[in-house]
N, C-alpha and C. Protein backbone atom coordinates (compact mmCIF):
# COMPACT_ATOMS: atom_id res chain seq x y z
N GLN A 1 0.89 -1.10 -0.11
CA GLN A 1 0.19 0.02 -0.03
C GLN A 1 0.90 1.19 0.19
N VAL A 2 0.73 2.37 -0.91
CA VAL A 2 1.20 3.27 -0.79
C VAL A 2 0.54 4.47 -0.07
N GLN A 3 1.44 5.16 0.38
CA GLN A 3 0.87 5.57 2.16
C GLN A 3 2.93 6.76 2.94
N LEU A 4 2.02 7.48 3.51
CA LEU A 4 2.78 8.65 4.36
C LEU A 4 2.24 7.88 5.52
N VAL A 5 2.45 7.97 6.48
CA VAL A 5 2.04 8.49 7.76
C VAL A 5 2.77 9.31 8.42
N GLU A 6 3.01 10.14 9.14
CA GLU A 6 3.71 11.05 9.98
C GLU A 6 3.00 10.35 11.13
N SER A 7 4.16 11.03 12.65
CA SER A 7 4.03 10.91 13.93
C SER A 7 4.98 11.73 14.55
N GLY A 8 4.57 12.49 15.75
CA GLY A 8 5.86 12.95 16.21
C GLY A 8 5.01 14.58 17.40
N GLY A 9 3.52 14.80 16.75
CA GLY A 9 2.64 16.22 17.02
C GLY A 9 2.51 16.13 18.57
N GLY A 10 2.51 16.94 18.46
CA GLY A 10 1.83 17.76 20.04
C GLY A 10 1.89 18.65 20.00
N LEU A 11 1.52 18.75 22.09
CA LEU A 11 1.30 20.69 22.84
C LEU A 11 2.86 20.78 22.78
N VAL A 12 3.57 21.54 22.55
CA VAL A 12 4.45 22.34 23.66
C VAL A 12 4.71 24.17 23.35
N GLN A 13 5.55 24.25 24.50
CA GLN A 13 5.37 25.98 24.83
C GLN A 13 6.22 26.32 23.85
N PRO A 14 6.27 27.63 23.72
CA PRO A 14 7.09 28.48 22.83
C PRO A 14 8.15 28.37 23.50
N GLY A 15 9.57 27.98 22.50
CA GLY A 15 10.58 27.97 22.88
C GLY A 15 11.09 26.19 23.07
N GLY A 16 9.84 25.42 22.85
CA GLY A 16 10.59 24.13 22.12
C GLY A 16 10.55 23.36 21.53
N SER A 17 10.87 22.15 21.85
CA SER A 17 10.97 21.99 20.10
C SER A 17 10.18 20.35 20.07
N LEU A 18 9.80 19.85 19.04
CA LEU A 18 9.29 18.82 18.69
C LEU A 18 10.17 17.99 16.97
N ARG A 19 9.70 16.68 16.69
CA ARG A 19 10.31 16.35 15.96
C ARG A 19 9.16 14.95 15.66
N LEU A 20 9.20 15.21 13.91
CA LEU A 20 8.22 14.65 13.00
C LEU A 20 8.77 14.12 12.57
N SER A 21 8.27 12.78 12.02
CA SER A 21 8.54 11.59 11.47
C SER A 21 7.46 11.57 10.28
N CYS A 22 7.98 10.91 9.33
CA CYS A 22 7.03 10.79 8.36
C CYS A 22 7.98 9.26 7.83
N ALA A 23 6.95 8.04 8.03
CA ALA A 23 7.05 6.35 7.10
C ALA A 23 6.43 6.65 6.31
N ALA A 24 7.46 6.23 5.24
CA ALA A 24 6.66 5.82 3.62
C ALA A 24 6.84 4.30 3.97
N SER A 25 5.45 3.84 2.82
CA SER A 25 6.01 2.69 2.53
C SER A 25 5.33 2.14 0.84
N GLY A 26 5.13 1.47 0.33
CA GLY A 26 4.94 0.87 -1.13
C GLY A 26 5.11 1.96 -2.20
N PHE A 27 6.56 3.22 -2.00
CA PHE A 27 7.09 3.18 -3.74
C PHE A 27 8.64 2.79 -2.82
N THR A 28 9.22 2.75 -3.78
CA THR A 28 11.47 3.57 -3.80
C THR A 28 11.00 5.61 -3.21
N PHE A 29 11.27 5.18 -2.11
CA PHE A 29 11.31 6.09 -1.27
C PHE A 29 12.53 6.89 -1.66
N ARG A 30 13.54 6.48 -2.04
CA ARG A 30 14.89 6.60 -1.70
C ARG A 30 14.87 7.97 -3.60
N ASN A 31 14.00 7.41 -4.18
CA ASN A 31 13.94 8.07 -5.72
C ASN A 31 13.59 9.42 -5.92
N TYR A 32 12.77 9.84 -4.77
CA TYR A 32 11.80 10.83 -4.77
C TYR A 32 12.19 12.24 -3.34
N ARG A 33 12.22 13.63 -3.71
CA ARG A 33 12.66 14.81 -3.27
C ARG A 33 11.00 14.26 -2.00
N MET A 34 11.57 14.86 -1.12
CA MET A 34 10.51 14.95 0.14
C MET A 34 10.22 16.11 0.62
N ASN A 35 8.99 16.40 0.94
CA ASN A 35 8.32 18.09 1.53
C ASN A 35 7.89 17.05 2.61
N TRP A 36 7.72 18.72 3.34
CA TRP A 36 6.67 18.81 4.14
C TRP A 36 5.93 20.08 4.52
N TYR A 37 4.65 19.72 4.80
CA TYR A 37 3.81 22.08 4.78
C TYR A 37 2.98 21.47 5.84
N ARG A 38 2.61 23.00 5.96
CA ARG A 38 1.49 22.69 7.13
C ARG A 38 0.58 23.62 6.66
N GLN A 39 -0.70 23.42 7.28
CA GLN A 39 -1.96 24.08 7.33
C GLN A 39 -2.50 24.71 8.58
N ALA A 40 -1.92 25.83 9.02
CA ALA A 40 -3.20 26.58 10.22
C ALA A 40 -3.91 27.15 9.77
N PRO A 41 -5.05 26.80 10.88
CA PRO A 41 -6.54 27.10 10.43
C PRO A 41 -7.39 28.63 9.46
N GLY A 42 -7.43 28.79 9.01
CA GLY A 42 -7.77 29.79 8.11
C GLY A 42 -7.26 30.15 7.22
N ARG A 43 -5.98 29.05 6.76
CA ARG A 43 -4.37 29.85 5.88
C ARG A 43 -4.53 28.52 4.93
N GLU A 44 -3.90 28.62 4.11
CA GLU A 44 -3.26 27.86 2.94
C GLU A 44 -2.52 27.06 3.71
N ARG A 45 -2.23 25.53 2.49
CA ARG A 45 -1.41 24.93 2.35
C ARG A 45 0.37 25.43 2.24
N ALA A 46 0.80 25.67 3.22
CA ALA A 46 2.39 26.09 2.72
C ALA A 46 4.00 25.29 2.72
N MET A 47 4.55 25.33 1.91
CA MET A 47 5.58 24.03 1.56
C MET A 47 6.77 24.72 2.65
N VAL A 48 6.83 24.08 3.64
CA VAL A 48 7.79 24.18 4.80
C VAL A 48 9.52 24.12 5.13
N ALA A 49 9.35 22.68 4.52
CA ALA A 49 10.70 22.50 3.72
C ALA A 49 10.75 21.24 2.69
N THR A 50 12.31 21.50 2.42
CA THR A 50 11.77 19.85 1.81
C THR A 50 13.19 19.59 0.86
N VAL A 51 13.42 18.71 0.74
CA VAL A 51 14.90 17.65 0.97
C VAL A 51 14.90 16.78 -0.74
N SER A 52 15.89 16.83 -0.92
CA SER A 52 16.73 16.16 -1.83
C SER A 52 16.50 14.59 -1.64
N ILE A 53 16.76 14.06 -3.03
CA ILE A 53 16.71 12.64 -2.79
C ILE A 53 17.97 12.17 -2.01
N GLY A 54 19.09 12.26 -1.99
CA GLY A 54 20.34 11.91 -1.23
C GLY A 54 20.56 12.33 -0.03
N GLY A 55 19.32 13.47 0.16
CA GLY A 55 19.68 14.12 1.42
C GLY A 55 20.24 15.13 1.72
N THR A 56 21.15 15.91 0.63
CA THR A 56 21.72 16.69 0.67
C THR A 56 21.82 18.64 0.17
N ILE A 57 20.81 18.45 -0.16
CA ILE A 57 20.07 19.94 -0.54
C ILE A 57 18.54 19.42 0.33
N SER A 58 18.28 21.05 1.10
CA SER A 58 17.05 21.18 1.78
C SER A 58 17.70 23.13 1.28
N THR A 59 15.60 23.44 1.77
CA THR A 59 15.32 24.46 1.24
C THR A 59 13.62 24.75 2.19
N TYR A 60 13.61 25.81 3.10
CA TYR A 60 12.35 25.92 3.84
C TYR A 60 12.19 27.43 3.69
N LEU A 61 10.70 27.41 4.17
CA LEU A 61 10.25 28.57 4.15
C LEU A 61 10.44 29.57 5.13
N ASP A 62 11.23 30.60 4.71
CA ASP A 62 11.34 31.97 5.40
C ASP A 62 11.24 32.26 6.68
N SER A 63 10.41 31.82 7.29
CA SER A 63 9.75 32.53 8.24
C SER A 63 10.48 31.10 9.74
N VAL A 64 10.70 29.76 8.88
CA VAL A 64 11.65 28.50 9.70
C VAL A 64 12.87 28.84 9.63
N LYS A 65 13.45 29.00 8.86
CA LYS A 65 14.69 28.93 8.79
C LYS A 65 16.09 29.26 10.28
N GLY A 66 16.87 28.17 9.76
CA GLY A 66 17.56 28.25 11.76
C GLY A 66 17.48 27.63 12.82
N ARG A 67 15.73 27.62 12.63
CA ARG A 67 15.09 27.60 13.83
C ARG A 67 14.58 25.56 13.19
N PHE A 68 14.33 25.39 11.88
CA PHE A 68 13.59 23.83 11.42
C PHE A 68 14.61 23.06 10.48
N THR A 69 15.09 21.72 10.77
CA THR A 69 15.85 20.87 9.88
C THR A 69 15.36 19.81 9.45
N VAL A 70 15.25 19.50 8.38
CA VAL A 70 14.77 18.50 7.42
C VAL A 70 15.88 17.23 7.38
N SER A 71 15.15 16.20 7.47
CA SER A 71 16.39 14.90 6.83
C SER A 71 16.08 13.80 6.80
N ARG A 72 16.34 12.89 6.27
CA ARG A 72 16.03 11.75 5.54
C ARG A 72 17.16 10.87 5.77
N ASP A 73 16.25 9.22 6.09
CA ASP A 73 17.22 8.02 6.44
C ASP A 73 15.95 7.50 4.71
N ASN A 74 17.35 7.33 4.27
CA ASN A 74 16.53 6.73 2.83
C ASN A 74 16.65 4.87 3.54
N ALA A 75 17.76 4.39 4.70
CA ALA A 75 17.42 3.13 4.86
C ALA A 75 15.97 2.66 5.61
N LYS A 76 15.78 3.72 6.10
CA LYS A 76 14.08 3.82 6.62
C LYS A 76 12.95 3.98 6.16
N ASN A 77 13.14 4.38 4.94
CA ASN A 77 12.21 4.77 4.29
C ASN A 77 11.43 6.05 5.16
N THR A 78 11.87 6.89 6.06
CA THR A 78 11.57 8.11 6.34
C THR A 78 12.39 9.04 6.58
N VAL A 79 11.26 9.95 6.61
CA VAL A 79 12.08 12.04 6.75
C VAL A 79 11.27 12.50 7.88
N TYR A 80 12.04 13.44 8.50
CA TYR A 80 11.80 13.75 9.22
C TYR A 80 12.46 15.60 9.36
N LEU A 81 11.74 15.94 10.74
CA LEU A 81 11.84 17.56 10.88
C LEU A 81 11.37 18.09 11.71
N GLN A 82 13.09 18.02 12.60
CA GLN A 82 13.34 19.04 13.52
C GLN A 82 13.26 20.29 13.80
N MET A 83 11.98 20.37 14.95
CA MET A 83 12.30 21.87 14.79
C MET A 83 11.62 22.56 16.22
N ASN A 84 12.90 22.98 15.92
CA ASN A 84 13.14 24.29 17.33
C ASN A 84 13.06 25.20 17.67
N ASN A 85 12.74 25.96 18.49
CA ASN A 85 12.80 27.49 18.92
C ASN A 85 11.49 27.24 18.56
N LEU A 86 10.16 26.91 18.76
CA LEU A 86 8.68 26.76 18.14
C LEU A 86 7.69 28.50 18.90
N LYS A 87 7.47 27.67 17.98
CA LYS A 87 7.01 29.72 18.09
C LYS A 87 5.25 29.92 17.84
N PRO A 88 4.42 30.58 18.33
CA PRO A 88 2.86 30.04 18.20
C PRO A 88 2.87 29.83 17.10
N ASP A 89 3.18 30.61 15.94
CA ASP A 89 2.57 30.97 14.52
C ASP A 89 2.89 30.04 13.43
N ASP A 90 3.71 28.49 14.78
CA ASP A 90 3.84 27.60 13.60
C ASP A 90 3.20 26.11 13.87
N THR A 91 1.90 26.35 14.54
CA THR A 91 0.71 26.08 15.14
C THR A 91 -0.03 25.53 14.21
N ALA A 92 -0.02 23.89 13.56
CA ALA A 92 -0.93 24.10 12.01
C ALA A 92 -0.90 22.85 12.49
N VAL A 93 -1.67 22.21 11.27
CA VAL A 93 -1.37 20.43 11.15
C VAL A 93 -0.42 20.51 9.93
N TYR A 94 0.60 19.36 10.20
CA TYR A 94 2.03 19.15 9.34
C TYR A 94 1.58 18.23 8.44
N TYR A 95 1.90 17.69 7.18
CA TYR A 95 1.97 16.63 6.54
C TYR A 95 3.02 16.11 5.82
N CYS A 96 3.25 15.15 5.71
CA CYS A 96 4.15 15.31 4.41
C CYS A 96 3.74 14.62 2.92
N ASN A 97 4.52 15.09 2.19
CA ASN A 97 4.23 14.94 0.79
C ASN A 97 5.78 14.54 -0.20
N VAL A 98 4.81 13.66 -1.39
CA VAL A 98 5.31 13.80 -2.41
C VAL A 98 4.94 13.93 -3.32
N ASN A 99 5.17 15.13 -4.19
CA ASN A 99 4.79 15.87 -5.18
C ASN A 99 5.08 15.08 -6.31
N LEU A 100 5.36 13.63 -6.80
CA LEU A 100 5.77 13.67 -7.92
C LEU A 100 4.65 12.04 -8.29
N LEU A 101 3.59 12.17 -7.01
CA LEU A 101 2.48 10.82 -6.74
C LEU A 101 1.72 11.52 -5.98
N ASN A 102 2.12 12.49 -6.30
CA ASN A 102 0.93 13.67 -5.56
C ASN A 102 -0.33 12.90 -4.37
N LEU A 103 1.14 12.40 -3.45
CA LEU A 103 0.72 11.41 -2.49
C LEU A 103 1.24 12.64 -0.52
N TRP A 104 -0.11 12.62 -0.07
CA TRP A 104 -0.31 13.16 1.41
C TRP A 104 -0.19 12.35 2.51
N GLY A 105 0.68 12.63 3.79
CA GLY A 105 -0.23 11.63 4.94
C GLY A 105 -1.42 12.77 5.14
N GLN A 106 -1.53 12.34 6.25
CA GLN A 106 -3.19 12.50 7.09
C GLN A 106 -2.91 13.40 7.75
N GLY A 107 -1.46 13.40 8.16
CA GLY A 107 -1.22 15.37 9.17
C GLY A 107 -0.72 14.80 10.33
N THR A 108 -0.57 15.78 11.21
CA THR A 108 -0.13 15.69 12.21
C THR A 108 -0.12 17.28 12.84
N GLN A 109 -0.75 16.75 14.65
CA GLN A 109 -1.30 18.07 14.73
C GLN A 109 -0.16 19.01 15.86
N VAL A 110 0.29 20.02 15.78
CA VAL A 110 1.26 21.20 16.14
C VAL A 110 0.76 22.42 16.85
N THR A 111 0.79 21.73 17.86
CA THR A 111 0.48 23.57 18.84
C THR A 111 1.15 23.42 20.02
N VAL A 112 1.63 25.05 19.46
CA VAL A 112 3.04 25.70 20.54
C VAL A 112 1.74 26.49 21.25
N SER A 113 1.60 26.44 22.62
CA SER A 113 1.42 27.51 23.22
C SER A 113 1.51 27.48 24.28
N SER A 114 2.11 28.79 25.33
CA SER A 114 1.61 28.09 27.05
C SER A 114 0.59 28.43 27.65
């Protein structure tokens, strides 16, 4: 079954950290660029980070640069999003994505609040 399954979301205080994971199955993970998106209530879904096939090239939404780090483990078919110094504006549902397959995970909620 072709799918992406996110995990690792939760409630965290401002300044805290979370690590999201996205486990892929049913396709050749190492052949695809992987993306993280997020969608906050009342806002459009936006790309947060993307990582190249080999994991050596990554790009980020300006507002998360220096705080978020995307990485992947092709042996484990998993992509990660390390989020540090979280802010209330980071509150959203975070989705894993493979553009070329039009494939999305179910999303994981991240809430940053004191």
